[in-house]
Every structure is written in C-alpha cells, then in structure tokens.
Amino acid sequence: MALSPRVRWSRESPQDPPADQTAVTVWVDDDALIENVSADATSWLGFLPAELVGSSVTELVHPEHVPQLELHACSFEEPRTVAARMICRDGRVVPAEIIRYPKDHSRDMSRIDVITWM
C-alpha cells in the first residue's frame, strides 16, 4: 500500500509530524508485546507509557483491524502501512495509519508507528 501524503513524513525523514498529526512509536517483541512506547501515547490514547509496557499492541487496535497488522509475519523487507482504528483509554475509537517496520535485529524488536490526526 502506498503511503498517503499525510503520513509520508514518517518514512522519509526523522523530523516531527505536521501540526495536525500525532505519532506514537511502539516497539514490540516477537509476541507483539509492547517493550517501549513514546510519551505521545498519553496525549491522544490516554495511557501512560509505563501502563502499556508488557501488554499486547493488539489491545490498542480495534479487533477488526488486528489481522491486517500481520503481527506474526516473520519476514518482510519494506515497511507496511495499514489503515486502522485505535482504542483510547476513555473508549473513543480514533482513525489511524499504522506503519509496521521490518524487525530490527540489533534490538530484537519491531517498530510500529501509529499516526493519527486531530
């Protein structure tokens, strides 16, 4: 899937997202358990990063979108983008684009960027 212009910044440069977007970076292990999450998780998901560590990333994604993430796909070369809905602490469901990157073997984890716009 081609990236939309709204999220193109995420793959092409390390700069901050445009003002109308929020990005959360999540690092997950092979079992999709969250190892680390950026502080932006608090601003739009309502969770403190420490609350998310150890939980499955699937708990944040609307159930109908979980299969699209292909969390257990072992090998792929390019980042994959999925349109999905995220579940916030207060029960709100917000649209997002999720970019799943190939496994970083030096960290033994995979990076997932979750991008939404307010």
Protein backbone atom coordinates (compact mmCIF):
# COMPACT_ATOMS: atom_id res chain seq x y z
CA MET A 1 0.00 0.00 0.00
CA ALA A 2 1.37 3.41 -0.90
CA LEU A 3 1.68 5.90 1.90
CA SER A 4 -0.71 8.77 1.84
CA PRO A 5 0.80 12.27 1.79
CA ARG A 6 -0.48 12.74 5.35
CA VAL A 7 1.98 10.21 6.74
CA ARG A 8 4.79 10.38 4.20
CA TRP A 9 6.98 12.26 6.71
CA SER A 10 7.22 9.17 8.89
CA ARG A 11 9.24 7.12 6.43
CA GLU A 12 11.15 9.82 4.63
CA SER A 13 12.57 11.90 7.42
CA PRO A 14 13.09 11.87 11.17
CA GLN A 15 11.51 15.30 11.63
CA ASP A 16 8.41 15.91 13.73
CA PRO A 17 4.99 15.29 12.18
CA PRO A 18 2.93 18.19 10.83
CA ALA A 19 0.98 20.15 13.45
CA ASP A 20 -2.32 18.37 12.77
CA GLN A 21 -0.81 14.90 13.31
CA THR A 22 0.31 12.92 16.31
CA ALA A 23 2.64 9.96 16.15
CA VAL A 24 3.27 7.27 18.72
CA THR A 25 6.21 4.91 18.27
CA VAL A 26 5.82 1.47 19.79
CA TRP A 27 8.50 -1.23 19.97
CA VAL A 28 7.15 -4.77 20.21
CA ASP A 29 8.74 -8.18 20.67
CA ASP A 30 8.03 -11.27 18.57
CA ASP A 31 4.83 -11.91 20.54
CA ALA A 32 3.53 -8.36 19.86
CA LEU A 33 4.07 -7.38 23.49
CA ILE A 34 4.99 -3.73 23.97
CA GLU A 35 8.57 -3.23 25.11
CA ASN A 36 8.71 0.55 24.79
CA VAL A 37 6.34 3.33 23.75
CA SER A 38 6.80 7.05 23.16
CA ALA A 39 5.37 9.62 25.56
CA ASP A 40 2.83 10.77 22.94
CA ALA A 41 0.72 7.76 23.93
CA THR A 42 -0.56 9.85 26.82
CA SER A 43 -1.69 12.84 24.76
CA TRP A 44 -4.08 11.03 22.47
CA LEU A 45 -4.54 7.47 23.71
CA GLY A 46 -4.78 8.48 27.36
CA PHE A 47 -2.34 5.85 28.61
CA LEU A 48 0.95 6.47 30.36
CA PRO A 49 3.75 4.67 28.51
CA ALA A 50 4.52 2.56 31.60
CA GLU A 51 0.91 1.30 31.59
CA LEU A 52 1.33 -0.10 28.09
CA VAL A 53 4.68 -1.87 28.54
CA GLY A 54 4.07 -5.62 28.75
CA SER A 55 0.63 -5.50 27.18
CA SER A 56 -0.17 -6.64 23.66
CA VAL A 57 -0.30 -3.99 20.96
CA THR A 58 -3.50 -5.71 19.80
CA GLU A 59 -5.29 -4.32 22.87
CA LEU A 60 -4.98 -0.84 21.36
CA VAL A 61 -6.21 -1.77 17.89
CA HIS A 62 -9.89 -2.27 17.05
CA PRO A 63 -10.39 -6.06 16.75
CA GLU A 64 -11.46 -5.95 13.12
CA HIS A 65 -8.10 -4.42 12.16
CA VAL A 66 -5.78 -6.75 14.11
CA PRO A 67 -5.45 -9.36 11.30
CA GLN A 68 -4.32 -6.66 8.87
CA LEU A 69 -1.29 -5.89 11.04
CA GLU A 70 0.19 -9.32 10.31
CA LEU A 71 2.00 -9.17 13.63
CA HIS A 72 3.33 -12.68 13.35
CA ALA A 73 4.70 -12.34 9.81
CA CYS A 74 8.34 -13.12 10.30
CA SER A 75 9.99 -11.73 7.25
CA PHE A 76 9.37 -8.72 5.08
CA GLU A 77 11.69 -6.14 3.59
CA GLU A 78 9.70 -2.89 3.39
CA PRO A 79 7.51 -1.09 5.92
CA ARG A 80 3.82 -1.97 5.71
CA THR A 81 1.03 0.56 6.19
CA VAL A 82 -2.44 -0.29 7.45
CA ALA A 83 -5.43 1.99 7.98
CA ALA A 84 -6.93 1.08 11.35
CA ARG A 85 -8.85 2.36 14.33
CA MET A 86 -7.21 2.69 17.72
CA ILE A 87 -8.99 2.32 21.06
CA CYS A 88 -8.28 5.07 23.60
CA ARG A 89 -8.39 4.68 27.35
CA ASP A 90 -11.70 6.60 27.54
CA GLY A 91 -13.30 4.28 24.97
CA ARG A 92 -13.04 6.64 22.00
CA VAL A 93 -12.10 4.99 18.73
CA VAL A 94 -9.82 7.13 16.56
CA PRO A 95 -8.71 6.56 12.96
CA ALA A 96 -5.01 5.99 12.44
CA GLU A 97 -2.45 4.77 9.98
CA ILE A 98 -0.13 2.14 11.36
CA ILE A 99 3.29 1.63 9.85
CA ARG A 100 4.96 -1.64 10.77
CA TYR A 101 8.66 -1.83 10.05
CA PRO A 102 10.81 -4.91 9.45
CA LYS A 103 12.32 -6.41 12.58
CA ASP A 104 15.36 -4.56 13.93
CA HIS A 105 17.62 -7.50 14.73
CA SER A 106 20.05 -5.33 16.68
CA ARG A 107 17.25 -4.58 19.16
CA ASP A 108 15.42 -7.90 18.63
CA MET A 109 12.19 -5.90 18.30
CA SER A 110 9.91 -4.43 15.66
CA ARG A 111 8.95 -0.77 15.40
CA ILE A 112 5.37 0.31 14.83
CA ASP A 113 4.43 3.93 14.20
CA VAL A 114 0.83 4.90 14.85
CA ILE A 115 -0.16 8.16 13.19
CA THR A 116 -3.41 10.00 13.73
CA TRP A 117 -4.66 13.49 13.08
CA MET A 118 -6.75 15.59 15.41
